[in-house]
Amino acid sequence: MKSASFIASVFGVGYIPFASGTFGSVAALLPAFGLMHVGGVWLLGAGAVAVSILGIWVCDIHVRATGRHDPSECVIDEVAGQWLACLAAPLTLPGYILAFIAFRLFDILKPWPASAAERAPGGLGVMLDDLVAGLMAAIVVAAIHAVHLV
């Protein structure tokens, strides 16, 4: 497996034969919690930006190599999107469960503008819909947290 594909698949997680996106999101939770614990929203936000930039690059290489628009094995987009959702979550188990559920729902259902974002070409298209879904999830998580439900 080439390096770009290995990174795009989050070290092979994307090759799990079922629910690879869900497993990619699960794989993102512990590092998100650690980054948030160590450096707060600034470190997790910087991590999300860095993973997004890396993801666009490696997914673009993988898309060109496979000829497929949004290969299911590319789950680095789930990591970036999940980290955006976690930015708004309190540093608690219920907060991170809420961020996970909200992100997975927006990622699977792809309401507009996430559905429009996935039409971008190459690695940008792979990443952008999940980034939009992550931002939408973050808004929901922040709203729920603001009314003290988590």
C-alpha atoms as a PDB file:
ATOM      1  CA  MET A   1       0.000   0.000   0.000  1.00  0.00           C
ATOM      2  CA  LYS A   2       1.379   3.399  -0.922  1.00  0.00           C
ATOM      3  CA  SER A   3       2.035   5.963   1.793  1.00  0.00           C
ATOM      4  CA  ALA A   4      -0.746   8.316   0.645  1.00  0.00           C
ATOM      5  CA  SER A   5      -3.324   5.522   0.698  1.00  0.00           C
ATOM      6  CA  PHE A   6      -2.110   4.356   4.104  1.00  0.00           C
ATOM      7  CA  ILE A   7      -2.545   7.865   5.529  1.00  0.00           C
ATOM      8  CA  ALA A   8      -5.858   8.481   3.712  1.00  0.00           C
ATOM      9  CA  SER A   9      -7.174   5.245   5.225  1.00  0.00           C
ATOM     10  CA  VAL A  10      -5.980   6.334   8.698  1.00  0.00           C
ATOM     11  CA  PHE A  11      -3.372   3.601   8.924  1.00  0.00           C
ATOM     12  CA  GLY A  12      -5.661   0.943   7.461  1.00  0.00           C
ATOM     13  CA  VAL A  13      -8.854   1.684   9.407  1.00  0.00           C
ATOM     14  CA  GLY A  14     -10.611   2.562   6.143  1.00  0.00           C
ATOM     15  CA  TYR A  15     -10.086  -0.970   4.868  1.00  0.00           C
ATOM     16  CA  ILE A  16     -12.404  -2.466   7.500  1.00  0.00           C
ATOM     17  CA  PRO A  17     -14.984  -4.116   5.200  1.00  0.00           C
ATOM     18  CA  PHE A  18     -18.079  -2.549   6.779  1.00  0.00           C
ATOM     19  CA  ALA A  19     -18.925   0.866   8.305  1.00  0.00           C
ATOM     20  CA  SER A  20     -15.462   2.229   7.515  1.00  0.00           C
ATOM     21  CA  GLY A  21     -16.648   5.822   8.007  1.00  0.00           C
ATOM     22  CA  THR A  22     -18.002   5.004  11.446  1.00  0.00           C
ATOM     23  CA  PHE A  23     -14.747   3.296  12.391  1.00  0.00           C
ATOM     24  CA  GLY A  24     -12.844   6.342  11.109  1.00  0.00           C
ATOM     25  CA  SER A  25     -14.938   8.571  13.362  1.00  0.00           C
ATOM     26  CA  VAL A  26     -14.405   6.269  16.339  1.00  0.00           C
ATOM     27  CA  ALA A  27     -10.655   6.310  15.677  1.00  0.00           C
ATOM     28  CA  ALA A  28     -10.764  10.120  15.809  1.00  0.00           C
ATOM     29  CA  LEU A  29     -12.345  10.379  19.268  1.00  0.00           C
ATOM     30  CA  LEU A  30      -9.463   9.451  21.575  1.00  0.00           C
ATOM     31  CA  PRO A  31      -6.914  11.706  19.818  1.00  0.00           C
ATOM     32  CA  ALA A  32      -9.507  14.521  19.821  1.00  0.00           C
ATOM     33  CA  PHE A  33     -10.028  14.084  23.547  1.00  0.00           C
ATOM     34  CA  GLY A  34      -6.263  14.093  24.130  1.00  0.00           C
ATOM     35  CA  LEU A  35      -5.643  17.196  22.024  1.00  0.00           C
ATOM     36  CA  MET A  36      -8.523  19.022  23.712  1.00  0.00           C
ATOM     37  CA  HIS A  37      -7.310  17.974  27.162  1.00  0.00           C
ATOM     38  CA  VAL A  38      -3.731  19.101  26.506  1.00  0.00           C
ATOM     39  CA  GLY A  39      -4.306  22.270  24.500  1.00  0.00           C
ATOM     40  CA  GLY A  40      -8.008  23.063  24.414  1.00  0.00           C
ATOM     41  CA  VAL A  41      -9.925  24.185  21.356  1.00  0.00           C
ATOM     42  CA  TRP A  42      -6.843  25.876  19.903  1.00  0.00           C
ATOM     43  CA  LEU A  43      -4.833  22.657  19.671  1.00  0.00           C
ATOM     44  CA  LEU A  44      -7.759  20.547  18.474  1.00  0.00           C
ATOM     45  CA  GLY A  45      -8.671  23.243  15.939  1.00  0.00           C
ATOM     46  CA  ALA A  46      -5.076  23.416  14.685  1.00  0.00           C
ATOM     47  CA  GLY A  47      -5.077  19.626  14.458  1.00  0.00           C
ATOM     48  CA  ALA A  48      -8.296  19.678  12.428  1.00  0.00           C
ATOM     49  CA  VAL A  49      -6.797  22.213  10.020  1.00  0.00           C
ATOM     50  CA  ALA A  50      -3.574  20.193   9.680  1.00  0.00           C
ATOM     51  CA  VAL A  51      -5.451  16.918   9.115  1.00  0.00           C
ATOM     52  CA  SER A  52      -7.701  18.661   6.582  1.00  0.00           C
ATOM     53  CA  ILE A  53      -4.761  19.941   4.549  1.00  0.00           C
ATOM     54  CA  LEU A  54      -3.000  16.577   4.732  1.00  0.00           C
ATOM     55  CA  GLY A  55      -6.256  14.819   3.863  1.00  0.00           C
ATOM     56  CA  ILE A  56      -6.873  16.879   0.735  1.00  0.00           C
ATOM     57  CA  TRP A  57      -3.375  16.011  -0.470  1.00  0.00           C
ATOM     58  CA  VAL A  58      -3.355  12.268   0.295  1.00  0.00           C
ATOM     59  CA  CYS A  59      -6.959  11.719  -0.792  1.00  0.00           C
ATOM     60  CA  ASP A  60      -6.246  13.480  -4.070  1.00  0.00           C
ATOM     61  CA  ILE A  61      -3.352  11.088  -4.698  1.00  0.00           C
ATOM     62  CA  HIS A  62      -5.528   8.101  -3.749  1.00  0.00           C
ATOM     63  CA  VAL A  63      -8.465   9.263  -5.910  1.00  0.00           C
ATOM     64  CA  ARG A  64      -6.186   9.658  -8.939  1.00  0.00           C
ATOM     65  CA  ALA A  65      -4.627   6.228  -8.312  1.00  0.00           C
ATOM     66  CA  THR A  66      -7.996   4.440  -7.980  1.00  0.00           C
ATOM     67  CA  GLY A  67     -10.060   6.489 -10.411  1.00  0.00           C
ATOM     68  CA  ARG A  68     -12.920   6.623  -7.880  1.00  0.00           C
ATOM     69  CA  HIS A  69     -14.505   9.908  -6.768  1.00  0.00           C
ATOM     70  CA  ASP A  70     -14.928   9.246  -3.017  1.00  0.00           C
ATOM     71  CA  PRO A  71     -13.405   5.890  -2.074  1.00  0.00           C
ATOM     72  CA  SER A  72     -14.845   4.457   1.142  1.00  0.00           C
ATOM     73  CA  GLU A  73     -11.377   3.554   2.398  1.00  0.00           C
ATOM     74  CA  CYS A  74     -10.466   7.250   2.637  1.00  0.00           C
ATOM     75  CA  VAL A  75     -11.499   7.964   6.223  1.00  0.00           C
ATOM     76  CA  ILE A  76      -9.118  10.802   7.057  1.00  0.00           C
ATOM     77  CA  ASP A  77     -12.087  13.024   6.161  1.00  0.00           C
ATOM     78  CA  GLU A  78     -14.001  11.460   9.072  1.00  0.00           C
ATOM     79  CA  VAL A  79     -11.148  12.335  11.410  1.00  0.00           C
ATOM     80  CA  ALA A  80     -11.147  15.987  10.344  1.00  0.00           C
ATOM     81  CA  GLY A  81     -14.939  16.278  10.454  1.00  0.00           C
ATOM     82  CA  GLN A  82     -15.204  14.491  13.796  1.00  0.00           C
ATOM     83  CA  TRP A  83     -12.568  16.796  15.266  1.00  0.00           C
ATOM     84  CA  LEU A  84     -14.581  19.827  14.142  1.00  0.00           C
ATOM     85  CA  ALA A  85     -17.679  18.404  15.840  1.00  0.00           C
ATOM     86  CA  CYS A  86     -15.667  17.734  19.012  1.00  0.00           C
ATOM     87  CA  LEU A  87     -14.532  21.370  19.151  1.00  0.00           C
ATOM     88  CA  ALA A  88     -17.972  22.305  20.474  1.00  0.00           C
ATOM     89  CA  ALA A  89     -18.318  19.375  22.868  1.00  0.00           C
ATOM     90  CA  PRO A  90     -17.611  19.537  26.568  1.00  0.00           C
ATOM     91  CA  LEU A  91     -14.671  17.368  27.565  1.00  0.00           C
ATOM     92  CA  THR A  92     -16.949  14.625  28.920  1.00  0.00           C
ATOM     93  CA  LEU A  93     -18.058  11.213  27.732  1.00  0.00           C
ATOM     94  CA  PRO A  94     -21.642  12.411  27.075  1.00  0.00           C
ATOM     95  CA  GLY A  95     -20.281  15.440  25.192  1.00  0.00           C
ATOM     96  CA  TYR A  96     -18.115  13.306  22.924  1.00  0.00           C
ATOM     97  CA  ILE A  97     -20.913  10.771  22.383  1.00  0.00           C
ATOM     98  CA  LEU A  98     -23.165  13.631  21.293  1.00  0.00           C
ATOM     99  CA  ALA A  99     -20.462  14.977  18.953  1.00  0.00           C
ATOM    100  CA  PHE A 100     -20.012  11.488  17.483  1.00  0.00           C
ATOM    101  CA  ILE A 101     -23.733  10.920  16.899  1.00  0.00           C
ATOM    102  CA  ALA A 102     -24.299  14.403  15.463  1.00  0.00           C
ATOM    103  CA  PHE A 103     -21.356  14.096  13.095  1.00  0.00           C
ATOM    104  CA  ARG A 104     -22.302  10.612  11.901  1.00  0.00           C
ATOM    105  CA  LEU A 105     -25.888  11.750  11.229  1.00  0.00           C
ATOM    106  CA  PHE A 106     -24.793  14.779   9.208  1.00  0.00           C
ATOM    107  CA  ASP A 107     -22.130  12.748   7.401  1.00  0.00           C
ATOM    108  CA  ILE A 108     -24.540   9.952   6.457  1.00  0.00           C
ATOM    109  CA  LEU A 109     -27.581  12.109   5.621  1.00  0.00           C
ATOM    110  CA  LYS A 110     -25.519  14.820   3.875  1.00  0.00           C
ATOM    111  CA  PRO A 111     -28.024  17.687   4.029  1.00  0.00           C
ATOM    112  CA  TRP A 112     -27.226  20.786   2.003  1.00  0.00           C
ATOM    113  CA  PRO A 113     -24.570  22.293   1.984  1.00  0.00           C
ATOM    114  CA  ALA A 114     -22.682  19.031   2.687  1.00  0.00           C
ATOM    115  CA  SER A 115     -24.303  17.408  -0.351  1.00  0.00           C
ATOM    116  CA  ALA A 116     -23.090  20.245  -2.560  1.00  0.00           C
ATOM    117  CA  ALA A 117     -19.594  20.177  -1.059  1.00  0.00           C
ATOM    118  CA  GLU A 118     -19.016  16.526  -1.970  1.00  0.00           C
ATOM    119  CA  ARG A 119     -19.217  17.422  -5.662  1.00  0.00           C
ATOM    120  CA  ALA A 120     -15.874  19.232  -5.518  1.00  0.00           C
ATOM    121  CA  PRO A 121     -13.168  17.383  -7.467  1.00  0.00           C
ATOM    122  CA  GLY A 122     -10.429  15.099  -6.163  1.00  0.00           C
ATOM    123  CA  GLY A 123      -9.212  15.167  -2.599  1.00  0.00           C
ATOM    124  CA  LEU A 124     -11.067  18.397  -1.920  1.00  0.00           C
ATOM    125  CA  GLY A 125     -14.375  16.671  -2.654  1.00  0.00           C
ATOM    126  CA  VAL A 126     -13.478  13.747  -0.402  1.00  0.00           C
ATOM    127  CA  MET A 127     -12.707  16.089   2.492  1.00  0.00           C
ATOM    128  CA  LEU A 128     -15.097  19.006   2.062  1.00  0.00           C
ATOM    129  CA  ASP A 129     -18.431  17.270   2.667  1.00  0.00           C
ATOM    130  CA  ASP A 130     -17.144  15.855   5.960  1.00  0.00           C
ATOM    131  CA  LEU A 131     -15.769  19.236   7.015  1.00  0.00           C
ATOM    132  CA  VAL A 132     -19.169  20.786   6.360  1.00  0.00           C
ATOM    133  CA  ALA A 133     -20.880  17.929   8.222  1.00  0.00           C
ATOM    134  CA  GLY A 134     -18.447  18.475  11.120  1.00  0.00           C
ATOM    135  CA  LEU A 135     -19.267  22.177  11.266  1.00  0.00           C
ATOM    136  CA  MET A 136     -22.999  21.451  11.175  1.00  0.00           C
ATOM    137  CA  ALA A 137     -22.574  18.909  13.972  1.00  0.00           C
ATOM    138  CA  ALA A 138     -20.533  21.417  15.987  1.00  0.00           C
ATOM    139  CA  ILE A 139     -23.386  23.934  15.746  1.00  0.00           C
ATOM    140  CA  VAL A 140     -25.867  21.346  17.041  1.00  0.00           C
ATOM    141  CA  VAL A 141     -23.510  20.239  19.827  1.00  0.00           C
ATOM    142  CA  ALA A 142     -22.884  23.860  20.863  1.00  0.00           C
ATOM    143  CA  ALA A 143     -26.626  24.584  20.936  1.00  0.00           C
ATOM    144  CA  ILE A 144     -27.368  21.512  23.041  1.00  0.00           C
ATOM    145  CA  HIS A 145     -24.482  22.299  25.359  1.00  0.00           C
ATOM    146  CA  ALA A 146     -25.647  25.925  25.675  1.00  0.00           C
ATOM    147  CA  VAL A 147     -28.977  24.806  27.108  1.00  0.00           C
ATOM    148  CA  HIS A 148     -27.124  22.472  29.494  1.00  0.00           C
ATOM    149  CA  LEU A 149     -28.415  19.182  28.097  1.00  0.00           C
ATOM    150  CA  VAL A 150     -24.844  17.776  28.064  1.00  0.00           C
END
